[in-house]
């Protein structure tokens, strides 16, 4: 998707959409071995950048999104709408497509 956005703060997800940014993988392993760029695979972990207000069910009640801005989540290895802002890539998912929250314990 080609956009002319100058800043990610200009994006306000609608309904039950969640805007995330995939976390960057470390360039070195825990033992200090350097990983070349071709050996890295995309992480399924992402940080929530923004969320929509939620969706309205059949009774007219607003069901808020289950994740909040700043939380870390697991996302599917496929799907989502890719959005580029400058050199940064962001993904837009429905709240129900988010797999799990990542606890910092």
PDB file of N, CA and C in Angstrom:
ATOM      1  N   UNK A   1       0.844  -1.175   0.000  1.00  0.00           N
ATOM      2  CA  UNK A   1       0.000   0.000   0.000  1.00  0.00           C
ATOM      3  C   UNK A   1       0.891   1.241   0.000  1.00  0.00           C
ATOM      4  N   UNK A   2       0.740   2.068  -0.951  1.00  0.00           N
ATOM      5  CA  UNK A   2       1.519   3.297  -1.047  1.00  0.00           C
ATOM      6  C   UNK A   2       0.773   4.422  -0.347  1.00  0.00           C
ATOM      7  N   UNK A   3       1.451   5.089   0.578  1.00  0.00           N
ATOM      8  CA  UNK A   3       0.821   6.189   1.297  1.00  0.00           C
ATOM      9  C   UNK A   3       1.739   7.400   1.279  1.00  0.00           C
ATOM     10  N   UNK A   4       1.172   8.554   1.524  1.00  0.00           N
ATOM     11  CA  UNK A   4       1.935   9.785   1.584  1.00  0.00           C
ATOM     12  C   UNK A   4       2.019  10.302   3.017  1.00  0.00           C
ATOM     13  N   UNK A   5       1.938   9.411   3.979  1.00  0.00           N
ATOM     14  CA  UNK A   5       1.965   9.810   5.383  1.00  0.00           C
ATOM     15  C   UNK A   5       3.371  10.215   5.797  1.00  0.00           C
ATOM     16  N   UNK A   6       3.449  11.257   6.592  1.00  0.00           N
ATOM     17  CA  UNK A   6       4.736  11.721   7.078  1.00  0.00           C
ATOM     18  C   UNK A   6       5.025  11.180   8.478  1.00  0.00           C
ATOM     19  N   UNK A   7       3.969  10.783   9.191  1.00  0.00           N
ATOM     20  CA  UNK A   7       4.124  10.311  10.557  1.00  0.00           C
ATOM     21  C   UNK A   7       3.073   9.250  10.861  1.00  0.00           C
ATOM     22  N   UNK A   8       3.450   8.265  11.662  1.00  0.00           N
ATOM     23  CA  UNK A   8       2.505   7.212  12.027  1.00  0.00           C
ATOM     24  C   UNK A   8       1.401   7.760  12.933  1.00  0.00           C
ATOM     25  N   UNK A   9       1.652   8.878  13.606  1.00  0.00           N
ATOM     26  CA  UNK A   9       0.622   9.457  14.472  1.00  0.00           C
ATOM     27  C   UNK A   9      -0.571   9.976  13.675  1.00  0.00           C
ATOM     28  N   UNK A  10      -0.424  10.098  12.356  1.00  0.00           N
ATOM     29  CA  UNK A  10      -1.544  10.513  11.502  1.00  0.00           C
ATOM     30  C   UNK A  10      -2.530   9.362  11.280  1.00  0.00           C
ATOM     31  N   UNK A  11      -2.130   8.135  11.620  1.00  0.00           N
ATOM     32  CA  UNK A  11      -3.000   6.966  11.433  1.00  0.00           C
ATOM     33  C   UNK A  11      -3.851   6.740  12.674  1.00  0.00           C
ATOM     34  N   UNK A  12      -5.149   6.718  12.499  1.00  0.00           N
ATOM     35  CA  UNK A  12      -6.101   6.443  13.580  1.00  0.00           C
ATOM     36  C   UNK A  12      -6.955   5.253  13.150  1.00  0.00           C
ATOM     37  N   UNK A  13      -6.654   4.040  13.661  1.00  0.00           N
ATOM     38  CA  UNK A  13      -7.437   2.872  13.248  1.00  0.00           C
ATOM     39  C   UNK A  13      -8.918   3.036  13.576  1.00  0.00           C
ATOM     40  N   UNK A  14      -9.760   2.458  12.734  1.00  0.00           N
ATOM     41  CA  UNK A  14     -11.198   2.498  12.927  1.00  0.00           C
ATOM     42  C   UNK A  14     -11.702   1.157  13.440  1.00  0.00           C
ATOM     43  N   UNK A  15     -12.868   1.167  14.034  1.00  0.00           N
ATOM     44  CA  UNK A  15     -13.563  -0.032  14.511  1.00  0.00           C
ATOM     45  C   UNK A  15     -12.641  -0.884  15.380  1.00  0.00           C
ATOM     46  N   UNK A  16     -12.482  -2.165  15.050  1.00  0.00           N
ATOM     47  CA  UNK A  16     -11.684  -3.062  15.888  1.00  0.00           C
ATOM     48  C   UNK A  16     -10.298  -3.309  15.288  1.00  0.00           C
ATOM     49  N   UNK A  17      -9.772  -2.336  14.554  1.00  0.00           N
ATOM     50  CA  UNK A  17      -8.458  -2.486  13.930  1.00  0.00           C
ATOM     51  C   UNK A  17      -7.353  -2.148  14.936  1.00  0.00           C
ATOM     52  N   UNK A  18      -6.210  -2.831  14.773  1.00  0.00           N
ATOM     53  CA  UNK A  18      -5.056  -2.631  15.649  1.00  0.00           C
ATOM     54  C   UNK A  18      -3.833  -2.388  14.762  1.00  0.00           C
ATOM     55  N   UNK A  19      -3.142  -1.275  14.975  1.00  0.00           N
ATOM     56  CA  UNK A  19      -1.929  -0.945  14.236  1.00  0.00           C
ATOM     57  C   UNK A  19      -0.733  -1.397  15.055  1.00  0.00           C
ATOM     58  N   UNK A  20       0.117  -2.240  14.464  1.00  0.00           N
ATOM     59  CA  UNK A  20       1.285  -2.766  15.168  1.00  0.00           C
ATOM     60  C   UNK A  20       2.542  -2.556  14.343  1.00  0.00           C
ATOM     61  N   UNK A  21       3.679  -2.618  15.028  1.00  0.00           N
ATOM     62  CA  UNK A  21       4.970  -2.607  14.351  1.00  0.00           C
ATOM     63  C   UNK A  21       5.745  -3.820  14.846  1.00  0.00           C
ATOM     64  N   UNK A  22       6.191  -4.622  13.874  1.00  0.00           N
ATOM     65  CA  UNK A  22       6.947  -5.826  14.191  1.00  0.00           C
ATOM     66  C   UNK A  22       8.228  -5.440  14.933  1.00  0.00           C
ATOM     67  N   UNK A  23       8.548  -6.178  16.008  1.00  0.00           N
ATOM     68  CA  UNK A  23       9.782  -5.913  16.747  1.00  0.00           C
ATOM     69  C   UNK A  23      10.975  -6.363  15.910  1.00  0.00           C
ATOM     70  N   UNK A  24      12.073  -5.659  16.068  1.00  0.00           N
ATOM     71  CA  UNK A  24      13.288  -5.984  15.325  1.00  0.00           C
ATOM     72  C   UNK A  24      14.007  -7.138  16.012  1.00  0.00           C
ATOM     73  N   UNK A  25      14.510  -8.058  15.212  1.00  0.00           N
ATOM     74  CA  UNK A  25      15.251  -9.186  15.749  1.00  0.00           C
ATOM     75  C   UNK A  25      16.680  -8.752  16.037  1.00  0.00           C
ATOM     76  N   UNK A  26      17.236  -9.280  17.110  1.00  0.00           N
ATOM     77  CA  UNK A  26      18.618  -8.974  17.464  1.00  0.00           C
ATOM     78  C   UNK A  26      19.551  -9.469  16.372  1.00  0.00           C
ATOM     79  N   UNK A  27      20.602  -8.718  16.113  1.00  0.00           N
ATOM     80  CA  UNK A  27      21.575  -9.093  15.089  1.00  0.00           C
ATOM     81  C   UNK A  27      22.564 -10.133  15.604  1.00  0.00           C
ATOM     82  N   UNK A  28      22.576 -10.368  16.918  1.00  0.00           N
ATOM     83  CA  UNK A  28      23.481 -11.358  17.506  1.00  0.00           C
ATOM     84  C   UNK A  28      22.688 -12.330  18.370  1.00  0.00           C
ATOM     85  N   UNK A  29      23.198 -13.527  18.476  1.00  0.00           N
ATOM     86  CA  UNK A  29      22.577 -14.516  19.348  1.00  0.00           C
ATOM     87  C   UNK A  29      23.003 -14.232  20.789  1.00  0.00           C
ATOM     88  N   UNK A  30      22.431 -14.954  21.738  1.00  0.00           N
ATOM     89  CA  UNK A  30      22.779 -14.773  23.146  1.00  0.00           C
ATOM     90  C   UNK A  30      24.251 -15.079  23.405  1.00  0.00           C
ATOM     91  N   UNK A  31      24.831 -15.974  22.604  1.00  0.00           N
ATOM     92  CA  UNK A  31      26.244 -16.314  22.779  1.00  0.00           C
ATOM     93  C   UNK A  31      27.180 -15.373  22.026  1.00  0.00           C
ATOM     94  N   UNK A  32      26.621 -14.358  21.320  1.00  0.00           N
ATOM     95  CA  UNK A  32      27.441 -13.352  20.661  1.00  0.00           C
ATOM     96  C   UNK A  32      27.736 -13.600  19.197  1.00  0.00           C
ATOM     97  N   UNK A  33      27.115 -14.600  18.601  1.00  0.00           N
ATOM     98  CA  UNK A  33      27.348 -14.893  17.190  1.00  0.00           C
ATOM     99  C   UNK A  33      26.529 -13.920  16.346  1.00  0.00           C
ATOM    100  N   UNK A  34      27.170 -13.285  15.371  1.00  0.00           N
ATOM    101  CA  UNK A  34      26.512 -12.327  14.492  1.00  0.00           C
ATOM    102  C   UNK A  34      25.664 -13.064  13.466  1.00  0.00           C
ATOM    103  N   UNK A  35      24.415 -12.628  13.270  1.00  0.00           N
ATOM    104  CA  UNK A  35      23.524 -13.226  12.278  1.00  0.00           C
ATOM    105  C   UNK A  35      23.475 -12.347  11.040  1.00  0.00           C
ATOM    106  N   UNK A  36      23.850 -12.869   9.881  1.00  0.00           N
ATOM    107  CA  UNK A  36      23.735 -12.073   8.662  1.00  0.00           C
ATOM    108  C   UNK A  36      22.262 -11.812   8.344  1.00  0.00           C
ATOM    109  N   UNK A  37      21.993 -10.763   7.579  1.00  0.00           N
ATOM    110  CA  UNK A  37      20.629 -10.348   7.270  1.00  0.00           C
ATOM    111  C   UNK A  37      19.784 -11.422   6.629  1.00  0.00           C
ATOM    112  N   UNK A  38      20.376 -12.309   5.843  1.00  0.00           N
ATOM    113  CA  UNK A  38      19.597 -13.332   5.161  1.00  0.00           C
ATOM    114  C   UNK A  38      19.158 -14.450   6.094  1.00  0.00           C
ATOM    115  N   UNK A  39      19.809 -14.578   7.231  1.00  0.00           N
ATOM    116  CA  UNK A  39      19.471 -15.657   8.160  1.00  0.00           C
ATOM    117  C   UNK A  39      18.367 -15.256   9.131  1.00  0.00           C
ATOM    118  N   UNK A  40      18.056 -13.989   9.208  1.00  0.00           N
ATOM    119  CA  UNK A  40      17.018 -13.541  10.130  1.00  0.00           C
ATOM    120  C   UNK A  40      15.648 -13.837   9.549  1.00  0.00           C
ATOM    121  N   UNK A  41      14.751 -14.279  10.384  1.00  0.00           N
ATOM    122  CA  UNK A  41      13.370 -14.445   9.948  1.00  0.00           C
ATOM    123  C   UNK A  41      12.517 -13.421  10.670  1.00  0.00           C
ATOM    124  N   UNK A  42      11.358 -13.125  10.127  1.00  0.00           N
ATOM    125  CA  UNK A  42      10.490 -12.119  10.730  1.00  0.00           C
ATOM    126  C   UNK A  42       9.954 -12.621  12.064  1.00  0.00           C
ATOM    127  N   UNK A  43      10.038 -11.767  13.057  1.00  0.00           N
ATOM    128  CA  UNK A  43       9.489 -12.100  14.364  1.00  0.00           C
ATOM    129  C   UNK A  43       7.973 -11.999  14.327  1.00  0.00           C
ATOM    130  N   UNK A  44       7.325 -12.845  15.080  1.00  0.00           N
ATOM    131  CA  UNK A  44       5.865 -12.794  15.180  1.00  0.00           C
ATOM    132  C   UNK A  44       5.440 -11.881  16.330  1.00  0.00           C
ATOM    133  N   UNK A  45       6.406 -11.240  16.969  1.00  0.00           N
ATOM    134  CA  UNK A  45       6.110 -10.365  18.093  1.00  0.00           C
ATOM    135  C   UNK A  45       6.091  -8.924  17.602  1.00  0.00           C
ATOM    136  N   UNK A  46       5.115  -8.145  18.097  1.00  0.00           N
ATOM    137  CA  UNK A  46       4.961  -6.757  17.650  1.00  0.00           C
ATOM    138  C   UNK A  46       4.518  -5.885  18.816  1.00  0.00           C
ATOM    139  N   UNK A  47       4.715  -4.577  18.639  1.00  0.00           N
ATOM    140  CA  UNK A  47       4.262  -3.595  19.625  1.00  0.00           C
ATOM    141  C   UNK A  47       3.033  -2.891  19.080  1.00  0.00           C
ATOM    142  N   UNK A  48       2.018  -2.745  19.927  1.00  0.00           N
ATOM    143  CA  UNK A  48       0.782  -2.058  19.533  1.00  0.00           C
ATOM    144  C   UNK A  48       1.049  -0.556  19.496  1.00  0.00           C
ATOM    145  N   UNK A  49       0.828   0.047  18.336  1.00  0.00           N
ATOM    146  CA  UNK A  49       1.048   1.480  18.142  1.00  0.00           C
ATOM    147  C   UNK A  49      -0.244   2.256  18.407  1.00  0.00           C
ATOM    148  N   UNK A  50      -1.371   1.743  17.912  1.00  0.00           N
ATOM    149  CA  UNK A  50      -2.669   2.411  18.098  1.00  0.00           C
ATOM    150  C   UNK A  50      -3.782   1.394  17.914  1.00  0.00           C
ATOM    151  N   UNK A  51      -4.934   1.673  18.505  1.00  0.00           N
ATOM    152  CA  UNK A  51      -6.097   0.793  18.353  1.00  0.00           C
ATOM    153  C   UNK A  51      -7.322   1.641  18.037  1.00  0.00           C
ATOM    154  N   UNK A  52      -8.270   0.993  17.377  1.00  0.00           N
ATOM    155  CA  UNK A  52      -9.559   1.622  17.163  1.00  0.00           C
ATOM    156  C   UNK A  52     -10.388   1.513  18.429  1.00  0.00           C
ATOM    157  N   UNK A  53     -11.567   2.137  18.478  1.00  0.00           N
ATOM    158  CA  UNK A  53     -12.395   2.109  19.679  1.00  0.00           C
ATOM    159  C   UNK A  53     -13.038   0.746  19.950  1.00  0.00           C
ATOM    160  N   UNK A  54     -13.203  -0.087  18.929  1.00  0.00           N
ATOM    161  CA  UNK A  54     -13.857  -1.384  19.073  1.00  0.00           C
ATOM    162  C   UNK A  54     -14.953  -1.525  18.039  1.00  0.00           C
ATOM    163  N   UNK A  55     -15.794  -2.516  18.219  1.00  0.00           N
ATOM    164  CA  UNK A  55     -16.891  -2.716  17.272  1.00  0.00           C
ATOM    165  C   UNK A  55     -18.221  -2.742  18.024  1.00  0.00           C
ATOM    166  N   UNK A  56     -19.286  -2.505  17.308  1.00  0.00           N
ATOM    167  CA  UNK A  56     -20.630  -2.503  17.889  1.00  0.00           C
ATOM    168  C   UNK A  56     -21.279  -3.844  17.575  1.00  0.00           C
ATOM    169  N   UNK A  57     -21.726  -4.544  18.637  1.00  0.00           N
ATOM    170  CA  UNK A  57     -22.361  -5.847  18.424  1.00  0.00           C
ATOM    171  C   UNK A  57     -23.826  -5.676  18.008  1.00  0.00           C
ATOM    172  N   UNK A  58     -24.526  -6.795  17.851  1.00  0.00           N
ATOM    173  CA  UNK A  58     -25.924  -6.765  17.381  1.00  0.00           C
ATOM    174  C   UNK A  58     -26.872  -6.050  18.342  1.00  0.00           C
ATOM    175  N   UNK A  59     -26.499  -5.972  19.621  1.00  0.00           N
ATOM    176  CA  UNK A  59     -27.328  -5.279  20.615  1.00  0.00           C
ATOM    177  C   UNK A  59     -27.036  -3.787  20.688  1.00  0.00           C
ATOM    178  N   UNK A  60     -26.065  -3.321  19.902  1.00  0.00           N
ATOM    179  CA  UNK A  60     -25.702  -1.909  19.914  1.00  0.00           C
ATOM    180  C   UNK A  60     -24.663  -1.547  20.954  1.00  0.00           C
ATOM    181  N   UNK A  61     -24.068  -2.558  21.623  1.00  0.00           N
ATOM    182  CA  UNK A  61     -23.051  -2.303  22.647  1.00  0.00           C
ATOM    183  C   UNK A  61     -21.670  -2.207  22.002  1.00  0.00           C
ATOM    184  N   UNK A  62     -20.865  -1.273  22.481  1.00  0.00           N
ATOM    185  CA  UNK A  62     -19.498  -1.136  21.988  1.00  0.00           C
ATOM    186  C   UNK A  62     -18.616  -2.138  22.709  1.00  0.00           C
ATOM    187  N   UNK A  63     -17.974  -3.016  21.947  1.00  0.00           N
ATOM    188  CA  UNK A  63     -17.036  -3.992  22.495  1.00  0.00           C
ATOM    189  C   UNK A  63     -15.631  -3.455  22.219  1.00  0.00           C
ATOM    190  N   UNK A  64     -14.895  -2.998  23.255  1.00  0.00           N
ATOM    191  CA  UNK A  64     -13.581  -2.397  23.024  1.00  0.00           C
ATOM    192  C   UNK A  64     -12.557  -3.440  22.579  1.00  0.00           C
ATOM    193  N   UNK A  65     -11.465  -2.962  21.971  1.00  0.00           N
ATOM    194  CA  UNK A  65     -10.400  -3.873  21.562  1.00  0.00           C
ATOM    195  C   UNK A  65      -9.761  -4.484  22.807  1.00  0.00           C
ATOM    196  N   UNK A  66      -9.200  -5.675  22.655  1.00  0.00           N
ATOM    197  CA  UNK A  66      -8.645  -6.399  23.796  1.00  0.00           C
ATOM    198  C   UNK A  66      -7.199  -6.024  24.099  1.00  0.00           C
ATOM    199  N   UNK A  67      -6.577  -5.225  23.250  1.00  0.00           N
ATOM    200  CA  UNK A  67      -5.199  -4.787  23.482  1.00  0.00           C
ATOM    201  C   UNK A  67      -5.153  -3.265  23.555  1.00  0.00           C
ATOM    202  N   UNK A  68      -4.119  -2.762  24.186  1.00  0.00           N
ATOM    203  CA  UNK A  68      -3.957  -1.320  24.371  1.00  0.00           C
ATOM    204  C   UNK A  68      -2.632  -0.858  23.764  1.00  0.00           C
ATOM    205  N   UNK A  69      -2.519   0.417  23.496  1.00  0.00           N
ATOM    206  CA  UNK A  69      -1.306   1.014  22.957  1.00  0.00           C
ATOM    207  C   UNK A  69      -0.133   0.728  23.893  1.00  0.00           C
ATOM    208  N   UNK A  70       1.008   0.325  23.303  1.00  0.00           N
ATOM    209  CA  UNK A  70       2.214   0.062  24.076  1.00  0.00           C
ATOM    210  C   UNK A  70       2.412  -1.394  24.454  1.00  0.00           C
ATOM    211  N   UNK A  71       1.358  -2.212  24.385  1.00  0.00           N
ATOM    212  CA  UNK A  71       1.495  -3.627  24.739  1.00  0.00           C
ATOM    213  C   UNK A  71       2.227  -4.386  23.633  1.00  0.00           C
ATOM    214  N   UNK A  72       2.867  -5.497  24.024  1.00  0.00           N
ATOM    215  CA  UNK A  72       3.489  -6.371  23.049  1.00  0.00           C
ATOM    216  C   UNK A  72       2.571  -7.562  22.824  1.00  0.00           C
ATOM    217  N   UNK A  73       2.442  -7.954  21.549  1.00  0.00           N
ATOM    218  CA  UNK A  73       1.512  -9.015  21.174  1.00  0.00           C
ATOM    219  C   UNK A  73       2.177  -9.983  20.196  1.00  0.00           C
ATOM    220  N   UNK A  74       1.567 -11.154  20.058  1.00  0.00           N
ATOM    221  CA  UNK A  74       1.955 -12.105  19.015  1.00  0.00           C
ATOM    222  C   UNK A  74       0.994 -11.930  17.857  1.00  0.00           C
ATOM    223  N   UNK A  75       1.553 -11.858  16.656  1.00  0.00           N
ATOM    224  CA  UNK A  75       0.727 -11.685  15.458  1.00  0.00           C
ATOM    225  C   UNK A  75       0.917 -12.887  14.547  1.00  0.00           C
ATOM    226  N   UNK A  76      -0.032 -13.150  13.654  1.00  0.00           N
ATOM    227  CA  UNK A  76       0.126 -14.261  12.718  1.00  0.00           C
ATOM    228  C   UNK A  76       1.299 -14.005  11.769  1.00  0.00           C
ATOM    229  N   UNK A  77       1.870 -15.070  11.243  1.00  0.00           N
ATOM    230  CA  UNK A  77       2.980 -14.947  10.309  1.00  0.00           C
ATOM    231  C   UNK A  77       2.547 -14.460   8.943  1.00  0.00           C
ATOM    232  N   UNK A  78       1.259 -14.361   8.716  1.00  0.00           N
ATOM    233  CA  UNK A  78       0.709 -13.916   7.432  1.00  0.00           C
ATOM    234  C   UNK A  78      -0.478 -13.008   7.709  1.00  0.00           C
ATOM    235  N   UNK A  79      -0.954 -12.344   6.686  1.00  0.00           N
ATOM    236  CA  UNK A  79      -2.146 -11.503   6.821  1.00  0.00           C
ATOM    237  C   UNK A  79      -1.813 -10.106   7.287  1.00  0.00           C
ATOM    238  N   UNK A  80      -2.837  -9.353   7.593  1.00  0.00           N
ATOM    239  CA  UNK A  80      -2.674  -7.965   7.980  1.00  0.00           C
ATOM    240  C   UNK A  80      -2.428  -7.094   6.761  1.00  0.00           C
ATOM    241  N   UNK A  81      -2.705  -5.833   6.896  1.00  0.00           N
ATOM    242  CA  UNK A  81      -2.480  -4.868   5.822  1.00  0.00           C
ATOM    243  C   UNK A  81      -1.185  -4.131   6.108  1.00  0.00           C
ATOM    244  N   UNK A  82      -0.232  -4.224   5.209  1.00  0.00           N
ATOM    245  CA  UNK A  82       1.058  -3.567   5.373  1.00  0.00           C
ATOM    246  C   UNK A  82       0.939  -2.083   4.997  1.00  0.00           C
ATOM    247  N   UNK A  83       1.509  -1.218   5.852  1.00  0.00           N
ATOM    248  CA  UNK A  83       1.491   0.219   5.625  1.00  0.00           C
ATOM    249  C   UNK A  83       2.908   0.739   5.849  1.00  0.00           C
ATOM    250  N   UNK A  84       3.456   1.466   4.870  1.00  0.00           N
ATOM    251  CA  UNK A  84       4.785   2.049   5.007  1.00  0.00           C
ATOM    252  C   UNK A  84       4.657   3.542   5.291  1.00  0.00           C
ATOM    253  N   UNK A  85       5.382   3.976   6.296  1.00  0.00           N
ATOM    254  CA  UNK A  85       5.476   5.389   6.638  1.00  0.00           C
ATOM    255  C   UNK A  85       6.961   5.712   6.618  1.00  0.00           C
ATOM    256  N   UNK A  86       7.390   6.393   5.578  1.00  0.00           N
ATOM    257  CA  UNK A  86       8.825   6.616   5.388  1.00  0.00           C
ATOM    258  C   UNK A  86       9.490   5.277   5.142  1.00  0.00           C
ATOM    259  N   UNK A  87      10.493   4.944   5.930  1.00  0.00           N
ATOM    260  CA  UNK A  87      11.184   3.660   5.797  1.00  0.00           C
ATOM    261  C   UNK A  87      10.622   2.603   6.747  1.00  0.00           C
ATOM    262  N   UNK A  88       9.723   2.997   7.640  1.00  0.00           N
ATOM    263  CA  UNK A  88       9.164   2.085   8.634  1.00  0.00           C
ATOM    264  C   UNK A  88       7.955   1.348   8.075  1.00  0.00           C
ATOM    265  N   UNK A  89       7.802   0.073   8.469  1.00  0.00           N
ATOM    266  CA  UNK A  89       6.646  -0.719   8.046  1.00  0.00           C
ATOM    267  C   UNK A  89       5.777  -1.025   9.251  1.00  0.00           C
ATOM    268  N   UNK A  90       4.481  -0.850   9.081  1.00  0.00           N
ATOM    269  CA  UNK A  90       3.495  -1.127  10.111  1.00  0.00           C
ATOM    270  C   UNK A  90       2.474  -2.101   9.535  1.00  0.00           C
ATOM    271  N   UNK A  91       1.747  -2.792  10.408  1.00  0.00           N
ATOM    272  CA  UNK A  91       0.724  -3.744   9.982  1.00  0.00           C
ATOM    273  C   UNK A  91      -0.582  -3.409  10.679  1.00  0.00           C
ATOM    274  N   UNK A  92      -1.673  -3.562   9.953  1.00  0.00           N
ATOM    275  CA  UNK A  92      -3.003  -3.304  10.488  1.00  0.00           C
ATOM    276  C   UNK A  92      -3.771  -4.621  10.517  1.00  0.00           C
ATOM    277  N   UNK A  93      -4.172  -5.054  11.717  1.00  0.00           N
ATOM    278  CA  UNK A  93      -4.920  -6.295  11.911  1.00  0.00           C
ATOM    279  C   UNK A  93      -6.258  -5.989  12.562  1.00  0.00           C
ATOM    280  N   UNK A  94      -7.195  -6.917  12.438  1.00  0.00           N
ATOM    281  CA  UNK A  94      -8.406  -6.867  13.257  1.00  0.00           C
ATOM    282  C   UNK A  94      -8.030  -7.373  14.647  1.00  0.00           C
ATOM    283  N   UNK A  95      -8.716  -6.895  15.646  1.00  0.00           N
ATOM    284  CA  UNK A  95      -8.443  -7.303  17.028  1.00  0.00           C
ATOM    285  C   UNK A  95      -8.520  -8.826  17.176  1.00  0.00           C
ATOM    286  N   UNK A  96      -9.462  -9.456  16.510  1.00  0.00           N
ATOM    287  CA  UNK A  96      -9.632 -10.911  16.625  1.00  0.00           C
ATOM    288  C   UNK A  96      -8.499 -11.698  15.982  1.00  0.00           C
ATOM    289  N   UNK A  97      -7.665 -11.052  15.151  1.00  0.00           N
ATOM    290  CA  UNK A  97      -6.533 -11.732  14.520  1.00  0.00           C
ATOM    291  C   UNK A  97      -5.282 -11.750  15.396  1.00  0.00           C
ATOM    292  N   UNK A  98      -5.254 -10.925  16.437  1.00  0.00           N
ATOM    293  CA  UNK A  98      -4.118 -10.900  17.353  1.00  0.00           C
ATOM    294  C   UNK A  98      -4.127 -12.215  18.128  1.00  0.00           C
ATOM    295  N   UNK A  99      -2.982 -12.894  18.169  1.00  0.00           N
ATOM    296  CA  UNK A  99      -2.920 -14.227  18.770  1.00  0.00           C
ATOM    297  C   UNK A  99      -2.837 -14.221  20.289  1.00  0.00           C
ATOM    298  N   UNK A 100      -2.023 -13.317  20.863  1.00  0.00           N
ATOM    299  CA  UNK A 100      -1.832 -13.306  22.306  1.00  0.00           C
ATOM    300  C   UNK A 100      -1.153 -12.016  22.726  1.00  0.00           C
ATOM    301  N   UNK A 101      -1.299 -11.681  24.034  1.00  0.00           N
ATOM    302  CA  UNK A 101      -0.522 -10.595  24.631  1.00  0.00           C
ATOM    303  C   UNK A 101       0.749 -11.218  25.178  1.00  0.00           C
ATOM    304  N   UNK A 102       1.842 -10.480  25.148  1.00  0.00           N
ATOM    305  CA  UNK A 102       3.126 -10.960  25.689  1.00  0.00           C
ATOM    306  C   UNK A 102       3.346 -10.275  27.029  1.00  0.00           C
ATOM    307  N   UNK A 103       3.468 -11.092  28.076  1.00  0.00           N
ATOM    308  CA  UNK A 103       3.692 -10.574  29.415  1.00  0.00           C
ATOM    309  C   UNK A 103       5.184 -10.315  29.593  1.00  0.00           C
ATOM    310  N   UNK A 104       5.527  -9.282  30.332  1.00  0.00           N
ATOM    311  CA  UNK A 104       6.944  -8.935  30.560  1.00  0.00           C
ATOM    312  C   UNK A 104       7.451  -9.509  31.863  1.00  0.00           C
ATOM    313  N   UNK A 105       7.036 -10.690  32.222  1.00  0.00           N
ATOM    314  CA  UNK A 105       7.472 -11.328  33.472  1.00  0.00           C
ATOM    315  C   UNK A 105       8.761 -12.078  33.284  1.00  0.00           C
TER     316      UNK A 105
END
